[in-house]
Amino acid sequence: MPKSILVDTTRCTACRGCQVACKDWHNLPAIKTKQTGTHQNPPDLNPCNLKVVRFREHIDDQGIVRWNFFPDQCRQCTYPPCKDVADMVLEGAIIQDKKTGAVLFTEKTAQLSKEDAEAVREVCPYNIPRRDEKTGRLTKCDFCIDRLQAGLIPMCVKTCPTGAMVFGEREEVLAMARKRLAIARKTFPKAFLADYKDVNVIYLLAEEKEHYYEYACF
């Protein structure tokens, strides 16, 4: 049975512990960044940042400023379109682990042409894959597959101090997501589970999707 992560954004404080933990576990180097007028940093996903906490603010109908935080990462689609596209060009460039459901970009992605790599990126409904210009490899969150294989949970989940992230068997996580949703709707009537039928990283959003990152959900 596949594994899943629930990301309850109503509990996220944007501490960015998950973002730092991901970078540390994968031993990714620091990169130069820049101030773009937001607390979000770095500005986007890149080969050295497989997870980024996105910031979005708006004023609601009552004139209250709302901050919405979105820990962005690969959704580990149940039927990954990126794999379908890659298979047409080079079988084995992208694989899906049968035990966990993790969608994994292998070293073979470096053999894809820039055009084919771009085709893989464009088919992703969440705008996740990034190409490493130095190595040619496509990069994204790997679900901490090495930790899963060792019986450990993903580093981002382990690090989260507020319990915003829950990891486990897909059906158990979905049950928890529905319970969390019922609670969240008492405070956030428009709360919903984003694309939960199609992905293994399920987001609980407090408001309409337009108040989050544009690729937050379908």
C-alpha atoms as a PDB file:
ATOM      1  CA  MET A   1       0.000   0.000   0.000  1.00  0.00           C
ATOM      2  CA  PRO A   2       1.393   3.446  -0.887  1.00  0.00           C
ATOM      3  CA  LYS A   3       2.481   5.920   1.754  1.00  0.00           C
ATOM      4  CA  SER A   4       1.137   9.442   2.084  1.00  0.00           C
ATOM      5  CA  ILE A   5       1.869  12.747   3.760  1.00  0.00           C
ATOM      6  CA  LEU A   6      -0.821  15.095   5.007  1.00  0.00           C
ATOM      7  CA  VAL A   7       0.212  18.757   5.038  1.00  0.00           C
ATOM      8  CA  ASP A   8      -2.251  20.666   7.218  1.00  0.00           C
ATOM      9  CA  THR A   9      -1.550  24.269   6.255  1.00  0.00           C
ATOM     10  CA  THR A  10      -3.793  25.543   9.059  1.00  0.00           C
ATOM     11  CA  ARG A  11      -1.085  24.369  11.465  1.00  0.00           C
ATOM     12  CA  CYS A  12       1.883  25.647   9.444  1.00  0.00           C
ATOM     13  CA  THR A  13       3.716  28.615  10.989  1.00  0.00           C
ATOM     14  CA  ALA A  14       6.232  28.965   8.140  1.00  0.00           C
ATOM     15  CA  CYS A  15       9.131  28.139  10.444  1.00  0.00           C
ATOM     16  CA  ARG A  16      10.723  26.508   7.384  1.00  0.00           C
ATOM     17  CA  GLY A  17      12.113  23.698   9.472  1.00  0.00           C
ATOM     18  CA  CYS A  18      10.943  21.216   6.827  1.00  0.00           C
ATOM     19  CA  GLN A  19      12.667  23.206   4.104  1.00  0.00           C
ATOM     20  CA  VAL A  20      15.982  23.281   5.986  1.00  0.00           C
ATOM     21  CA  ALA A  21      15.730  19.640   7.081  1.00  0.00           C
ATOM     22  CA  CYS A  22      15.152  18.505   3.499  1.00  0.00           C
ATOM     23  CA  LYS A  23      18.178  20.434   2.314  1.00  0.00           C
ATOM     24  CA  ASP A  24      20.329  19.105   5.140  1.00  0.00           C
ATOM     25  CA  TRP A  25      19.295  15.452   4.724  1.00  0.00           C
ATOM     26  CA  HIS A  26      20.019  15.521   0.999  1.00  0.00           C
ATOM     27  CA  ASN A  27      23.334  17.311   1.614  1.00  0.00           C
ATOM     28  CA  LEU A  28      22.463  20.084  -0.823  1.00  0.00           C
ATOM     29  CA  PRO A  29      24.775  23.107  -1.030  1.00  0.00           C
ATOM     30  CA  ALA A  30      23.881  26.697  -0.228  1.00  0.00           C
ATOM     31  CA  ILE A  31      23.070  28.916  -3.199  1.00  0.00           C
ATOM     32  CA  LYS A  32      22.962  32.632  -3.795  1.00  0.00           C
ATOM     33  CA  THR A  33      19.498  34.090  -3.519  1.00  0.00           C
ATOM     34  CA  LYS A  34      17.874  37.510  -3.527  1.00  0.00           C
ATOM     35  CA  GLN A  35      15.191  39.519  -1.765  1.00  0.00           C
ATOM     36  CA  THR A  36      12.033  39.714  -3.835  1.00  0.00           C
ATOM     37  CA  GLY A  37       9.830  41.630  -1.417  1.00  0.00           C
ATOM     38  CA  THR A  38       8.545  38.591   0.461  1.00  0.00           C
ATOM     39  CA  HIS A  39       9.659  36.482   3.391  1.00  0.00           C
ATOM     40  CA  GLN A  40       9.705  33.502   1.015  1.00  0.00           C
ATOM     41  CA  ASN A  41      13.285  32.474   0.401  1.00  0.00           C
ATOM     42  CA  PRO A  42      14.587  31.135  -1.927  1.00  0.00           C
ATOM     43  CA  PRO A  43      12.128  32.525  -4.467  1.00  0.00           C
ATOM     44  CA  ASP A  44      11.461  29.131  -6.053  1.00  0.00           C
ATOM     45  CA  LEU A  45      12.292  25.444  -6.141  1.00  0.00           C
ATOM     46  CA  ASN A  46      15.685  24.632  -7.635  1.00  0.00           C
ATOM     47  CA  PRO A  47      18.122  21.685  -7.780  1.00  0.00           C
ATOM     48  CA  CYS A  48      19.467  22.692  -4.353  1.00  0.00           C
ATOM     49  CA  ASN A  49      16.061  23.278  -2.729  1.00  0.00           C
ATOM     50  CA  LEU A  50      13.633  20.408  -3.219  1.00  0.00           C
ATOM     51  CA  LYS A  51      11.125  21.963  -0.830  1.00  0.00           C
ATOM     52  CA  VAL A  52      10.174  25.637  -0.428  1.00  0.00           C
ATOM     53  CA  VAL A  53       7.667  27.160   1.978  1.00  0.00           C
ATOM     54  CA  ARG A  54       5.677  29.631  -0.089  1.00  0.00           C
ATOM     55  CA  PHE A  55       4.138  32.785   1.395  1.00  0.00           C
ATOM     56  CA  ARG A  56       0.937  34.454   0.257  1.00  0.00           C
ATOM     57  CA  GLU A  57      -1.007  37.225   1.995  1.00  0.00           C
ATOM     58  CA  HIS A  58      -4.334  38.886   1.267  1.00  0.00           C
ATOM     59  CA  ILE A  59      -7.031  40.939   2.968  1.00  0.00           C
ATOM     60  CA  ASP A  60     -10.243  39.009   3.572  1.00  0.00           C
ATOM     61  CA  ASP A  61     -13.842  40.235   3.387  1.00  0.00           C
ATOM     62  CA  GLN A  62     -13.632  41.544   6.931  1.00  0.00           C
ATOM     63  CA  GLY A  63     -10.518  43.580   6.255  1.00  0.00           C
ATOM     64  CA  ILE A  64      -8.243  41.170   8.114  1.00  0.00           C
ATOM     65  CA  VAL A  65      -4.806  40.383   6.701  1.00  0.00           C
ATOM     66  CA  ARG A  66      -4.456  36.632   6.179  1.00  0.00           C
ATOM     67  CA  TRP A  67      -1.150  34.825   5.801  1.00  0.00           C
ATOM     68  CA  ASN A  68      -1.225  31.500   4.001  1.00  0.00           C
ATOM     69  CA  PHE A  69       1.830  29.267   4.041  1.00  0.00           C
ATOM     70  CA  PHE A  70       2.350  26.433   1.586  1.00  0.00           C
ATOM     71  CA  PRO A  71       5.237  23.943   1.978  1.00  0.00           C
ATOM     72  CA  ASP A  72       5.662  23.148  -1.705  1.00  0.00           C
ATOM     73  CA  GLN A  73       7.108  19.842  -2.903  1.00  0.00           C
ATOM     74  CA  CYS A  74       6.459  16.985  -5.323  1.00  0.00           C
ATOM     75  CA  ARG A  75       2.982  15.548  -4.727  1.00  0.00           C
ATOM     76  CA  GLN A  76       4.065  11.972  -5.568  1.00  0.00           C
ATOM     77  CA  CYS A  77       1.148  11.523  -7.969  1.00  0.00           C
ATOM     78  CA  THR A  78      -0.619   8.169  -7.854  1.00  0.00           C
ATOM     79  CA  TYR A  79      -0.379   8.055 -11.671  1.00  0.00           C
ATOM     80  CA  PRO A  80       2.541  10.385 -12.456  1.00  0.00           C
ATOM     81  CA  PRO A  81       2.280  12.086 -15.857  1.00  0.00           C
ATOM     82  CA  CYS A  82       5.998  12.897 -15.723  1.00  0.00           C
ATOM     83  CA  LYS A  83       6.778   9.179 -15.836  1.00  0.00           C
ATOM     84  CA  ASP A  84       4.437   8.650 -18.794  1.00  0.00           C
ATOM     85  CA  VAL A  85       6.234  11.341 -20.803  1.00  0.00           C
ATOM     86  CA  ALA A  86       9.716  10.178 -19.806  1.00  0.00           C
ATOM     87  CA  ASP A  87       8.913   6.554 -20.699  1.00  0.00           C
ATOM     88  CA  MET A  88       8.186   7.578 -24.278  1.00  0.00           C
ATOM     89  CA  VAL A  89      11.766   8.796 -24.588  1.00  0.00           C
ATOM     90  CA  LEU A  90      13.876   6.813 -22.145  1.00  0.00           C
ATOM     91  CA  GLU A  91      12.475   3.978 -20.066  1.00  0.00           C
ATOM     92  CA  GLY A  92      13.797   3.997 -16.521  1.00  0.00           C
ATOM     93  CA  ALA A  93      14.500   7.720 -16.362  1.00  0.00           C
ATOM     94  CA  ILE A  94      11.588   8.027 -13.934  1.00  0.00           C
ATOM     95  CA  ILE A  95      10.375   5.101 -11.861  1.00  0.00           C
ATOM     96  CA  GLN A  96       7.655   4.592  -9.257  1.00  0.00           C
ATOM     97  CA  ASP A  97       8.465   2.541  -6.187  1.00  0.00           C
ATOM     98  CA  LYS A  98       5.735  -0.085  -5.847  1.00  0.00           C
ATOM     99  CA  LYS A  99       5.988  -0.361  -2.067  1.00  0.00           C
ATOM    100  CA  THR A 100       5.786   3.339  -1.175  1.00  0.00           C
ATOM    101  CA  GLY A 101       4.383   4.990  -4.304  1.00  0.00           C
ATOM    102  CA  ALA A 102       7.405   7.313  -4.423  1.00  0.00           C
ATOM    103  CA  VAL A 103       8.066   8.800  -7.860  1.00  0.00           C
ATOM    104  CA  LEU A 104      11.825   8.799  -8.370  1.00  0.00           C
ATOM    105  CA  PHE A 105      13.969  10.628 -10.931  1.00  0.00           C
ATOM    106  CA  THR A 106      16.978   8.433 -11.706  1.00  0.00           C
ATOM    107  CA  GLU A 107      20.408   9.328 -13.054  1.00  0.00           C
ATOM    108  CA  LYS A 108      19.050   8.504 -16.511  1.00  0.00           C
ATOM    109  CA  THR A 109      17.204  11.839 -16.538  1.00  0.00           C
ATOM    110  CA  ALA A 110      20.593  13.401 -17.320  1.00  0.00           C
ATOM    111  CA  GLN A 111      20.402  11.621 -20.693  1.00  0.00           C
ATOM    112  CA  LEU A 112      17.222  13.452 -21.654  1.00  0.00           C
ATOM    113  CA  SER A 113      17.635  16.317 -24.076  1.00  0.00           C
ATOM    114  CA  LYS A 114      16.719  19.796 -22.855  1.00  0.00           C
ATOM    115  CA  GLU A 115      13.580  19.578 -24.976  1.00  0.00           C
ATOM    116  CA  ASP A 116      12.540  16.246 -23.477  1.00  0.00           C
ATOM    117  CA  ALA A 117      13.355  17.443 -19.956  1.00  0.00           C
ATOM    118  CA  GLU A 118      11.203  20.499 -20.569  1.00  0.00           C
ATOM    119  CA  ALA A 119       8.377  18.260 -21.760  1.00  0.00           C
ATOM    120  CA  VAL A 120       8.580  16.359 -18.475  1.00  0.00           C
ATOM    121  CA  ARG A 121       8.499  19.613 -16.531  1.00  0.00           C
ATOM    122  CA  GLU A 122       5.583  21.036 -18.507  1.00  0.00           C
ATOM    123  CA  VAL A 123       3.367  17.986 -18.013  1.00  0.00           C
ATOM    124  CA  CYS A 124       3.612  18.286 -14.219  1.00  0.00           C
ATOM    125  CA  PRO A 125       0.377  19.969 -13.025  1.00  0.00           C
ATOM    126  CA  TYR A 126       2.239  21.362 -10.010  1.00  0.00           C
ATOM    127  CA  ASN A 127       5.287  22.840 -11.776  1.00  0.00           C
ATOM    128  CA  ILE A 128       7.723  20.801  -9.702  1.00  0.00           C
ATOM    129  CA  PRO A 129      10.658  19.342 -11.707  1.00  0.00           C
ATOM    130  CA  ARG A 130      13.786  21.458 -12.057  1.00  0.00           C
ATOM    131  CA  ARG A 131      16.768  20.702 -14.272  1.00  0.00           C
ATOM    132  CA  ASP A 132      20.274  20.923 -12.857  1.00  0.00           C
ATOM    133  CA  GLU A 133      22.200  22.777 -15.531  1.00  0.00           C
ATOM    134  CA  LYS A 134      25.513  21.422 -14.228  1.00  0.00           C
ATOM    135  CA  THR A 135      24.607  17.738 -14.377  1.00  0.00           C
ATOM    136  CA  GLY A 136      21.630  17.742 -16.724  1.00  0.00           C
ATOM    137  CA  ARG A 137      19.587  15.759 -14.191  1.00  0.00           C
ATOM    138  CA  LEU A 138      15.986  16.508 -13.352  1.00  0.00           C
ATOM    139  CA  THR A 139      15.445  17.041  -9.647  1.00  0.00           C
ATOM    140  CA  LYS A 140      12.580  17.016  -7.150  1.00  0.00           C
ATOM    141  CA  CYS A 141      11.571  15.648  -3.746  1.00  0.00           C
ATOM    142  CA  ASP A 142      12.280  11.905  -3.573  1.00  0.00           C
ATOM    143  CA  PHE A 143       9.937  11.228  -0.612  1.00  0.00           C
ATOM    144  CA  CYS A 144      13.103  10.528   1.417  1.00  0.00           C
ATOM    145  CA  ILE A 145      13.053   7.057  -0.141  1.00  0.00           C
ATOM    146  CA  ASP A 146      16.282   6.087   1.633  1.00  0.00           C
ATOM    147  CA  ARG A 147      14.670   6.846   4.978  1.00  0.00           C
ATOM    148  CA  LEU A 148      11.494   4.959   4.065  1.00  0.00           C
ATOM    149  CA  GLN A 149      13.519   1.917   3.092  1.00  0.00           C
ATOM    150  CA  ALA A 150      15.210   2.085   6.495  1.00  0.00           C
ATOM    151  CA  GLY A 151      11.870   2.229   8.302  1.00  0.00           C
ATOM    152  CA  LEU A 152      12.097   5.969   9.020  1.00  0.00           C
ATOM    153  CA  ILE A 153       9.707   8.780   8.137  1.00  0.00           C
ATOM    154  CA  PRO A 154      10.495  11.620   5.707  1.00  0.00           C
ATOM    155  CA  MET A 155      12.765  14.258   7.202  1.00  0.00           C
ATOM    156  CA  CYS A 156      10.296  17.096   6.678  1.00  0.00           C
ATOM    157  CA  VAL A 157       7.628  15.241   8.685  1.00  0.00           C
ATOM    158  CA  LYS A 158      10.073  14.359  11.461  1.00  0.00           C
ATOM    159  CA  THR A 159      11.166  17.992  11.770  1.00  0.00           C
ATOM    160  CA  CYS A 160       7.766  19.741  11.762  1.00  0.00           C
ATOM    161  CA  PRO A 161       7.285  21.205  15.291  1.00  0.00           C
ATOM    162  CA  THR A 162       3.534  21.885  15.038  1.00  0.00           C
ATOM    163  CA  GLY A 163       2.261  18.538  13.767  1.00  0.00           C
ATOM    164  CA  ALA A 164       1.278  20.113  10.464  1.00  0.00           C
ATOM    165  CA  MET A 165       2.645  17.055   8.664  1.00  0.00           C
ATOM    166  CA  VAL A 166       1.513  13.469   9.177  1.00  0.00           C
ATOM    167  CA  PHE A 167       3.031  10.424   7.450  1.00  0.00           C
ATOM    168  CA  GLY A 168       1.748   6.873   7.157  1.00  0.00           C
ATOM    169  CA  GLU A 169      -0.249   4.384   5.117  1.00  0.00           C
ATOM    170  CA  ARG A 170      -2.382   6.180   2.559  1.00  0.00           C
ATOM    171  CA  GLU A 171      -5.764   5.079   3.923  1.00  0.00           C
ATOM    172  CA  GLU A 172      -4.769   5.988   7.470  1.00  0.00           C
ATOM    173  CA  VAL A 173      -3.540   9.405   6.364  1.00  0.00           C
ATOM    174  CA  LEU A 174      -6.754  10.027   4.426  1.00  0.00           C
ATOM    175  CA  ALA A 175      -8.770   9.183   7.531  1.00  0.00           C
ATOM    176  CA  MET A 176      -6.682  11.636   9.552  1.00  0.00           C
ATOM    177  CA  ALA A 177      -7.084  14.249   6.810  1.00  0.00           C
ATOM    178  CA  ARG A 178     -10.862  13.993   6.969  1.00  0.00           C
ATOM    179  CA  LYS A 179     -10.819  14.386  10.749  1.00  0.00           C
ATOM    180  CA  ARG A 180      -8.511  17.387  10.501  1.00  0.00           C
ATOM    181  CA  LEU A 181     -10.744  18.887   7.807  1.00  0.00           C
ATOM    182  CA  ALA A 182     -13.839  18.617  10.010  1.00  0.00           C
ATOM    183  CA  ILE A 183     -12.000  20.445  12.784  1.00  0.00           C
ATOM    184  CA  ALA A 184     -10.544  23.082  10.441  1.00  0.00           C
ATOM    185  CA  ARG A 185     -13.943  23.920   8.978  1.00  0.00           C
ATOM    186  CA  LYS A 186     -15.124  25.157  12.362  1.00  0.00           C
ATOM    187  CA  THR A 187     -12.684  28.042  11.936  1.00  0.00           C
ATOM    188  CA  PHE A 188     -12.222  27.999   8.162  1.00  0.00           C
ATOM    189  CA  PRO A 189     -15.583  27.104   6.541  1.00  0.00           C
ATOM    190  CA  LYS A 190     -14.042  26.964   3.063  1.00  0.00           C
ATOM    191  CA  ALA A 191     -11.289  24.514   3.996  1.00  0.00           C
ATOM    192  CA  PHE A 192     -10.788  21.525   1.671  1.00  0.00           C
ATOM    193  CA  LEU A 193      -8.434  18.689   0.783  1.00  0.00           C
ATOM    194  CA  ALA A 194      -6.563  19.443  -2.430  1.00  0.00           C
ATOM    195  CA  ASP A 195      -6.505  16.777  -5.154  1.00  0.00           C
ATOM    196  CA  TYR A 196      -6.512  14.010  -2.554  1.00  0.00           C
ATOM    197  CA  LYS A 197      -7.656  11.353  -5.040  1.00  0.00           C
ATOM    198  CA  ASP A 198      -4.685  11.924  -7.340  1.00  0.00           C
ATOM    199  CA  VAL A 199      -1.679  12.502  -5.079  1.00  0.00           C
ATOM    200  CA  ASN A 200       0.138  11.004  -2.106  1.00  0.00           C
ATOM    201  CA  VAL A 201       1.110  14.367  -0.615  1.00  0.00           C
ATOM    202  CA  ILE A 202      -2.258  15.754   0.409  1.00  0.00           C
ATOM    203  CA  TYR A 203      -2.768  19.377   1.382  1.00  0.00           C
ATOM    204  CA  LEU A 204      -5.456  20.713   3.687  1.00  0.00           C
ATOM    205  CA  LEU A 205      -6.061  24.297   2.559  1.00  0.00           C
ATOM    206  CA  ALA A 206      -7.978  26.812   4.678  1.00  0.00           C
ATOM    207  CA  GLU A 207      -9.229  28.960   1.806  1.00  0.00           C
ATOM    208  CA  GLU A 208      -9.863  28.932  -1.934  1.00  0.00           C
ATOM    209  CA  LYS A 209      -6.886  27.906  -4.021  1.00  0.00           C
ATOM    210  CA  GLU A 210      -6.405  31.420  -5.438  1.00  0.00           C
ATOM    211  CA  HIS A 211      -5.159  32.494  -1.998  1.00  0.00           C
ATOM    212  CA  TYR A 212      -2.195  30.113  -2.288  1.00  0.00           C
ATOM    213  CA  TYR A 213       0.586  29.455  -4.750  1.00  0.00           C
ATOM    214  CA  GLU A 214      -0.886  29.279  -8.270  1.00  0.00           C
ATOM    215  CA  TYR A 215       0.141  25.617  -8.654  1.00  0.00           C
ATOM    216  CA  ALA A 216      -1.099  24.579  -5.212  1.00  0.00           C
ATOM    217  CA  CYS A 217      -3.799  22.369  -6.710  1.00  0.00           C
ATOM    218  CA  PHE A 218      -5.818  21.798  -9.878  1.00  0.00           C
END
